[in-house]
């Protein structure tokens, strides 16, 4: 944490080297200069992430999530969960273990600052998906599906990734562990999941 702590001290934030990642993130986000520096460092630290998540957080692989525009606190928490095994993905877990704490913060800030790339979907699917989303999802993920510090942004996400993730929650396969989500999506049929994924993909 020495490098980032030194930057924060220069910016007048006065944090110690032992600051928790969440505290460091909040301090960085509160200071424009520190945020800009962290974003630049995060682009470099995320060089190995670009192979799957894209250079600017927009993945070219439909099964891999877009990270552009995601809430930085949410991203940092997911990094932590992969590191502890609370989120299960062997490839991701191996990669996370090589990251230093300051790099985790920097990567979260970098991806949060990137611009999402919504897609285009069939109008009838989008309309049907909006009905499902408004009924079951909007109360937690927000009317525009942009989430918050604890709940992920879904707007502009890949259809295939969304379909796979929601299906795993519904079917309780073990890759996704969230009782509230599993309960919320339990009544969805496959066609409903595809429709809501199509709708979400079109949101900016």
C-alpha atoms as a PDB file:
ATOM      1  CA  UNK A   1       0.000   0.000   0.000  1.00  0.00           C
ATOM      2  CA  UNK A   2       3.040   2.308   0.219  1.00  0.00           C
ATOM      3  CA  UNK A   3       2.715   3.794  -3.261  1.00  0.00           C
ATOM      4  CA  UNK A   4      -1.000   4.569  -2.974  1.00  0.00           C
ATOM      5  CA  UNK A   5      -0.659   5.714   0.619  1.00  0.00           C
ATOM      6  CA  UNK A   6       2.045   8.149  -0.466  1.00  0.00           C
ATOM      7  CA  UNK A   7      -0.249   9.509  -3.170  1.00  0.00           C
ATOM      8  CA  UNK A   8      -3.061   9.949  -0.687  1.00  0.00           C
ATOM      9  CA  UNK A   9      -0.752  11.743   1.706  1.00  0.00           C
ATOM     10  CA  UNK A  10       0.342  14.091  -1.065  1.00  0.00           C
ATOM     11  CA  UNK A  11      -3.317  14.792  -1.753  1.00  0.00           C
ATOM     12  CA  UNK A  12      -3.787  15.711   1.893  1.00  0.00           C
ATOM     13  CA  UNK A  13      -5.869  12.674   2.835  1.00  0.00           C
ATOM     14  CA  UNK A  14      -3.496  11.519   5.548  1.00  0.00           C
ATOM     15  CA  UNK A  15      -4.351   7.799   5.451  1.00  0.00           C
ATOM     16  CA  UNK A  16      -2.035   5.256   6.967  1.00  0.00           C
ATOM     17  CA  UNK A  17      -0.422   2.455   4.963  1.00  0.00           C
ATOM     18  CA  UNK A  18      -2.642  -0.014   6.847  1.00  0.00           C
ATOM     19  CA  UNK A  19      -5.939   1.493   5.681  1.00  0.00           C
ATOM     20  CA  UNK A  20      -8.494  -1.137   4.662  1.00  0.00           C
ATOM     21  CA  UNK A  21      -9.203  -1.365   0.912  1.00  0.00           C
ATOM     22  CA  UNK A  22     -12.727  -0.009   1.383  1.00  0.00           C
ATOM     23  CA  UNK A  23     -11.464   2.989   3.331  1.00  0.00           C
ATOM     24  CA  UNK A  24      -8.762   3.607   0.745  1.00  0.00           C
ATOM     25  CA  UNK A  25     -11.325   3.455  -2.059  1.00  0.00           C
ATOM     26  CA  UNK A  26     -13.579   6.006  -0.359  1.00  0.00           C
ATOM     27  CA  UNK A  27     -10.640   8.352   0.159  1.00  0.00           C
ATOM     28  CA  UNK A  28      -9.563   8.018  -3.473  1.00  0.00           C
ATOM     29  CA  UNK A  29     -13.066   8.679  -4.771  1.00  0.00           C
ATOM     30  CA  UNK A  30     -13.350  11.776  -2.572  1.00  0.00           C
ATOM     31  CA  UNK A  31     -10.281  13.414  -4.096  1.00  0.00           C
ATOM     32  CA  UNK A  32     -10.264  14.155  -7.867  1.00  0.00           C
ATOM     33  CA  UNK A  33      -6.478  14.051  -8.153  1.00  0.00           C
ATOM     34  CA  UNK A  34      -6.208  10.765  -6.270  1.00  0.00           C
ATOM     35  CA  UNK A  35      -9.005   9.279  -8.362  1.00  0.00           C
ATOM     36  CA  UNK A  36      -7.347  10.291 -11.621  1.00  0.00           C
ATOM     37  CA  UNK A  37      -4.032   8.802 -10.505  1.00  0.00           C
ATOM     38  CA  UNK A  38      -5.689   5.590  -9.320  1.00  0.00           C
ATOM     39  CA  UNK A  39      -7.571   5.230 -12.610  1.00  0.00           C
ATOM     40  CA  UNK A  40      -4.350   5.587 -14.593  1.00  0.00           C
ATOM     41  CA  UNK A  41      -2.606   3.050 -12.371  1.00  0.00           C
ATOM     42  CA  UNK A  42      -5.629   0.764 -12.586  1.00  0.00           C
ATOM     43  CA  UNK A  43      -5.458   0.670 -16.383  1.00  0.00           C
ATOM     44  CA  UNK A  44      -1.895  -0.658 -16.100  1.00  0.00           C
ATOM     45  CA  UNK A  45      -2.723  -3.070 -13.265  1.00  0.00           C
ATOM     46  CA  UNK A  46      -5.665  -4.481 -15.253  1.00  0.00           C
ATOM     47  CA  UNK A  47      -3.551  -5.463 -18.263  1.00  0.00           C
ATOM     48  CA  UNK A  48      -4.199  -9.169 -17.667  1.00  0.00           C
ATOM     49  CA  UNK A  49      -7.933  -8.528 -17.140  1.00  0.00           C
ATOM     50  CA  UNK A  50      -8.244  -7.060 -20.642  1.00  0.00           C
ATOM     51  CA  UNK A  51      -7.886 -10.479 -22.246  1.00  0.00           C
ATOM     52  CA  UNK A  52     -11.364 -11.399 -21.017  1.00  0.00           C
ATOM     53  CA  UNK A  53     -13.047  -8.171 -19.866  1.00  0.00           C
ATOM     54  CA  UNK A  54     -11.803  -5.930 -22.685  1.00  0.00           C
ATOM     55  CA  UNK A  55      -9.321  -3.047 -22.616  1.00  0.00           C
ATOM     56  CA  UNK A  56     -12.010  -0.612 -21.445  1.00  0.00           C
ATOM     57  CA  UNK A  57     -14.172  -3.034 -19.500  1.00  0.00           C
ATOM     58  CA  UNK A  58     -16.439  -3.976 -22.416  1.00  0.00           C
ATOM     59  CA  UNK A  59     -15.904  -7.673 -22.983  1.00  0.00           C
ATOM     60  CA  UNK A  60     -15.745  -9.156 -26.466  1.00  0.00           C
ATOM     61  CA  UNK A  61     -16.749 -12.520 -24.995  1.00  0.00           C
ATOM     62  CA  UNK A  62     -20.527 -12.868 -24.469  1.00  0.00           C
ATOM     63  CA  UNK A  63     -20.102 -15.151 -21.468  1.00  0.00           C
ATOM     64  CA  UNK A  64     -17.774 -12.709 -19.682  1.00  0.00           C
ATOM     65  CA  UNK A  65     -19.284  -9.698 -17.874  1.00  0.00           C
ATOM     66  CA  UNK A  66     -18.721  -6.098 -18.835  1.00  0.00           C
ATOM     67  CA  UNK A  67     -17.109  -4.131 -16.010  1.00  0.00           C
ATOM     68  CA  UNK A  68     -17.323  -0.661 -17.541  1.00  0.00           C
ATOM     69  CA  UNK A  69     -19.393   1.728 -15.430  1.00  0.00           C
ATOM     70  CA  UNK A  70     -19.812  -0.735 -12.569  1.00  0.00           C
ATOM     71  CA  UNK A  71     -19.899   0.735  -9.055  1.00  0.00           C
ATOM     72  CA  UNK A  72     -16.303   0.732  -7.739  1.00  0.00           C
ATOM     73  CA  UNK A  73     -17.304  -0.387  -4.239  1.00  0.00           C
ATOM     74  CA  UNK A  74     -19.239  -3.293  -5.720  1.00  0.00           C
ATOM     75  CA  UNK A  75     -16.265  -4.243  -7.910  1.00  0.00           C
ATOM     76  CA  UNK A  76     -13.873  -4.120  -4.969  1.00  0.00           C
ATOM     77  CA  UNK A  77     -16.165  -6.340  -2.918  1.00  0.00           C
ATOM     78  CA  UNK A  78     -16.366  -8.912  -5.720  1.00  0.00           C
ATOM     79  CA  UNK A  79     -12.588  -8.935  -5.953  1.00  0.00           C
ATOM     80  CA  UNK A  80     -12.494  -9.639  -2.223  1.00  0.00           C
ATOM     81  CA  UNK A  81     -15.053 -12.436  -2.565  1.00  0.00           C
ATOM     82  CA  UNK A  82     -13.079 -14.134  -5.319  1.00  0.00           C
ATOM     83  CA  UNK A  83     -10.010 -13.883  -3.128  1.00  0.00           C
ATOM     84  CA  UNK A  84     -11.749 -15.576  -0.192  1.00  0.00           C
ATOM     85  CA  UNK A  85     -13.640 -18.132  -2.273  1.00  0.00           C
ATOM     86  CA  UNK A  86     -17.079 -16.670  -1.552  1.00  0.00           C
ATOM     87  CA  UNK A  87     -17.394 -16.356  -5.328  1.00  0.00           C
ATOM     88  CA  UNK A  88     -16.315 -19.480  -7.137  1.00  0.00           C
ATOM     89  CA  UNK A  89     -14.346 -19.334 -10.339  1.00  0.00           C
ATOM     90  CA  UNK A  90     -11.030 -21.138 -10.387  1.00  0.00           C
ATOM     91  CA  UNK A  91      -9.491 -18.876 -13.028  1.00  0.00           C
ATOM     92  CA  UNK A  92     -10.560 -15.650 -11.318  1.00  0.00           C
ATOM     93  CA  UNK A  93      -9.524 -16.874  -7.890  1.00  0.00           C
ATOM     94  CA  UNK A  94      -5.984 -17.588  -9.112  1.00  0.00           C
ATOM     95  CA  UNK A  95      -5.672 -14.159 -10.702  1.00  0.00           C
ATOM     96  CA  UNK A  96      -7.010 -12.239  -7.711  1.00  0.00           C
ATOM     97  CA  UNK A  97      -4.450 -13.822  -5.401  1.00  0.00           C
ATOM     98  CA  UNK A  98      -1.566 -12.119  -7.231  1.00  0.00           C
ATOM     99  CA  UNK A  99      -3.041  -8.629  -6.844  1.00  0.00           C
ATOM    100  CA  UNK A 100      -1.850  -6.313  -4.110  1.00  0.00           C
ATOM    101  CA  UNK A 101      -4.507  -4.395  -2.160  1.00  0.00           C
ATOM    102  CA  UNK A 102      -3.675  -1.084  -3.819  1.00  0.00           C
ATOM    103  CA  UNK A 103      -3.949  -2.729  -7.234  1.00  0.00           C
ATOM    104  CA  UNK A 104      -7.393  -4.052  -6.354  1.00  0.00           C
ATOM    105  CA  UNK A 105      -8.525  -0.516  -5.504  1.00  0.00           C
ATOM    106  CA  UNK A 106      -6.949   0.909  -8.637  1.00  0.00           C
ATOM    107  CA  UNK A 107      -8.596  -1.665 -10.896  1.00  0.00           C
ATOM    108  CA  UNK A 108     -12.004  -1.004  -9.333  1.00  0.00           C
ATOM    109  CA  UNK A 109     -11.595   2.747  -9.896  1.00  0.00           C
ATOM    110  CA  UNK A 110     -10.391   2.230 -13.467  1.00  0.00           C
ATOM    111  CA  UNK A 111     -13.319   0.063 -14.580  1.00  0.00           C
ATOM    112  CA  UNK A 112     -15.849   2.253 -12.814  1.00  0.00           C
ATOM    113  CA  UNK A 113     -14.670   5.186 -14.895  1.00  0.00           C
ATOM    114  CA  UNK A 114     -15.105   3.450 -18.254  1.00  0.00           C
ATOM    115  CA  UNK A 115     -18.117   3.922 -20.552  1.00  0.00           C
ATOM    116  CA  UNK A 116     -20.606   1.030 -20.955  1.00  0.00           C
ATOM    117  CA  UNK A 117     -21.675  -0.100 -24.434  1.00  0.00           C
ATOM    118  CA  UNK A 118     -25.391  -1.021 -24.577  1.00  0.00           C
ATOM    119  CA  UNK A 119     -26.578  -3.288 -27.380  1.00  0.00           C
ATOM    120  CA  UNK A 120     -29.631  -3.626 -29.603  1.00  0.00           C
ATOM    121  CA  UNK A 121     -32.278  -6.311 -29.212  1.00  0.00           C
ATOM    122  CA  UNK A 122     -35.624  -7.270 -30.732  1.00  0.00           C
ATOM    123  CA  UNK A 123     -38.300  -4.776 -29.647  1.00  0.00           C
ATOM    124  CA  UNK A 124     -40.787  -7.411 -28.504  1.00  0.00           C
ATOM    125  CA  UNK A 125     -38.156  -9.076 -26.309  1.00  0.00           C
ATOM    126  CA  UNK A 126     -37.163  -5.740 -24.817  1.00  0.00           C
ATOM    127  CA  UNK A 127     -40.786  -4.862 -23.998  1.00  0.00           C
ATOM    128  CA  UNK A 128     -41.421  -8.234 -22.380  1.00  0.00           C
ATOM    129  CA  UNK A 129     -38.187  -8.021 -20.436  1.00  0.00           C
ATOM    130  CA  UNK A 130     -38.997  -4.576 -19.125  1.00  0.00           C
ATOM    131  CA  UNK A 131     -42.217  -5.892 -17.613  1.00  0.00           C
ATOM    132  CA  UNK A 132     -40.335  -8.660 -15.827  1.00  0.00           C
ATOM    133  CA  UNK A 133     -37.603  -6.291 -14.676  1.00  0.00           C
ATOM    134  CA  UNK A 134     -39.991  -3.655 -13.350  1.00  0.00           C
ATOM    135  CA  UNK A 135     -41.897  -6.295 -11.411  1.00  0.00           C
ATOM    136  CA  UNK A 136     -39.071  -8.317  -9.892  1.00  0.00           C
ATOM    137  CA  UNK A 137     -35.772  -6.472 -10.196  1.00  0.00           C
ATOM    138  CA  UNK A 138     -36.134  -2.696 -10.158  1.00  0.00           C
ATOM    139  CA  UNK A 139     -36.693  -2.384  -6.420  1.00  0.00           C
ATOM    140  CA  UNK A 140     -33.126  -3.570  -5.765  1.00  0.00           C
ATOM    141  CA  UNK A 141     -31.168  -2.820  -8.937  1.00  0.00           C
ATOM    142  CA  UNK A 142     -32.859   0.532  -9.560  1.00  0.00           C
ATOM    143  CA  UNK A 143     -35.150   1.802 -12.296  1.00  0.00           C
ATOM    144  CA  UNK A 144     -32.220   2.229 -14.687  1.00  0.00           C
ATOM    145  CA  UNK A 145     -30.515  -1.003 -13.530  1.00  0.00           C
ATOM    146  CA  UNK A 146     -27.413   0.856 -12.418  1.00  0.00           C
ATOM    147  CA  UNK A 147     -27.202  -0.720  -8.960  1.00  0.00           C
ATOM    148  CA  UNK A 148     -25.263   0.729  -6.039  1.00  0.00           C
ATOM    149  CA  UNK A 149     -22.350  -0.088  -3.752  1.00  0.00           C
ATOM    150  CA  UNK A 150     -23.838  -3.463  -2.759  1.00  0.00           C
ATOM    151  CA  UNK A 151     -25.900  -4.351  -5.834  1.00  0.00           C
ATOM    152  CA  UNK A 152     -24.431  -4.693  -9.331  1.00  0.00           C
ATOM    153  CA  UNK A 153     -25.115  -2.558 -12.348  1.00  0.00           C
ATOM    154  CA  UNK A 154     -26.947  -4.671 -14.944  1.00  0.00           C
ATOM    155  CA  UNK A 155     -27.498  -1.998 -17.596  1.00  0.00           C
ATOM    156  CA  UNK A 156     -25.613  -2.739 -20.809  1.00  0.00           C
ATOM    157  CA  UNK A 157     -24.548  -6.206 -19.673  1.00  0.00           C
ATOM    158  CA  UNK A 158     -24.113  -9.087 -22.126  1.00  0.00           C
ATOM    159  CA  UNK A 159     -27.237 -11.185 -22.737  1.00  0.00           C
ATOM    160  CA  UNK A 160     -25.448 -14.535 -22.488  1.00  0.00           C
ATOM    161  CA  UNK A 161     -23.744 -13.598 -19.236  1.00  0.00           C
ATOM    162  CA  UNK A 162     -27.034 -12.413 -17.722  1.00  0.00           C
ATOM    163  CA  UNK A 163     -28.934 -15.509 -18.813  1.00  0.00           C
ATOM    164  CA  UNK A 164     -26.281 -17.790 -17.337  1.00  0.00           C
ATOM    165  CA  UNK A 165     -26.065 -15.858 -14.058  1.00  0.00           C
ATOM    166  CA  UNK A 166     -29.832 -15.582 -13.482  1.00  0.00           C
ATOM    167  CA  UNK A 167     -30.308 -19.263 -14.356  1.00  0.00           C
ATOM    168  CA  UNK A 168     -27.667 -20.247 -11.817  1.00  0.00           C
ATOM    169  CA  UNK A 169     -29.426 -18.206  -9.141  1.00  0.00           C
ATOM    170  CA  UNK A 170     -32.793 -19.722 -10.049  1.00  0.00           C
ATOM    171  CA  UNK A 171     -31.518 -23.292 -10.182  1.00  0.00           C
ATOM    172  CA  UNK A 172     -29.300 -22.876  -7.090  1.00  0.00           C
ATOM    173  CA  UNK A 173     -26.363 -24.564  -8.829  1.00  0.00           C
ATOM    174  CA  UNK A 174     -23.807 -23.315  -6.293  1.00  0.00           C
ATOM    175  CA  UNK A 175     -21.828 -20.897  -8.479  1.00  0.00           C
ATOM    176  CA  UNK A 176     -24.027 -18.034  -7.304  1.00  0.00           C
ATOM    177  CA  UNK A 177     -24.814 -17.882  -3.602  1.00  0.00           C
ATOM    178  CA  UNK A 178     -27.444 -15.285  -2.727  1.00  0.00           C
ATOM    179  CA  UNK A 179     -30.699 -16.498  -1.145  1.00  0.00           C
ATOM    180  CA  UNK A 180     -32.475 -13.218  -1.881  1.00  0.00           C
ATOM    181  CA  UNK A 181     -31.628 -13.394  -5.580  1.00  0.00           C
ATOM    182  CA  UNK A 182     -32.541 -17.067  -5.803  1.00  0.00           C
ATOM    183  CA  UNK A 183     -35.930 -16.353  -4.256  1.00  0.00           C
ATOM    184  CA  UNK A 184     -36.551 -13.336  -6.494  1.00  0.00           C
ATOM    185  CA  UNK A 185     -35.884 -15.191  -9.742  1.00  0.00           C
ATOM    186  CA  UNK A 186     -37.395 -18.529  -8.705  1.00  0.00           C
ATOM    187  CA  UNK A 187     -40.658 -18.001 -10.652  1.00  0.00           C
ATOM    188  CA  UNK A 188     -38.917 -17.065 -13.911  1.00  0.00           C
ATOM    189  CA  UNK A 189     -39.180 -19.358 -16.916  1.00  0.00           C
ATOM    190  CA  UNK A 190     -36.338 -19.592 -19.411  1.00  0.00           C
ATOM    191  CA  UNK A 191     -38.179 -17.276 -21.805  1.00  0.00           C
ATOM    192  CA  UNK A 192     -38.566 -14.686 -19.023  1.00  0.00           C
ATOM    193  CA  UNK A 193     -34.850 -14.773 -18.279  1.00  0.00           C
ATOM    194  CA  UNK A 194     -33.947 -14.288 -21.934  1.00  0.00           C
ATOM    195  CA  UNK A 195     -36.377 -11.386 -22.239  1.00  0.00           C
ATOM    196  CA  UNK A 196     -35.134  -9.532 -19.180  1.00  0.00           C
ATOM    197  CA  UNK A 197     -31.536 -10.074 -20.305  1.00  0.00           C
ATOM    198  CA  UNK A 198     -32.393  -8.571 -23.694  1.00  0.00           C
ATOM    199  CA  UNK A 199     -33.966  -5.561 -22.016  1.00  0.00           C
ATOM    200  CA  UNK A 200     -31.018  -4.991 -19.711  1.00  0.00           C
ATOM    201  CA  UNK A 201     -28.550  -5.249 -22.579  1.00  0.00           C
ATOM    202  CA  UNK A 202     -30.125  -2.199 -24.246  1.00  0.00           C
ATOM    203  CA  UNK A 203     -29.905   0.114 -21.227  1.00  0.00           C
ATOM    204  CA  UNK A 204     -27.177   2.797 -21.202  1.00  0.00           C
END
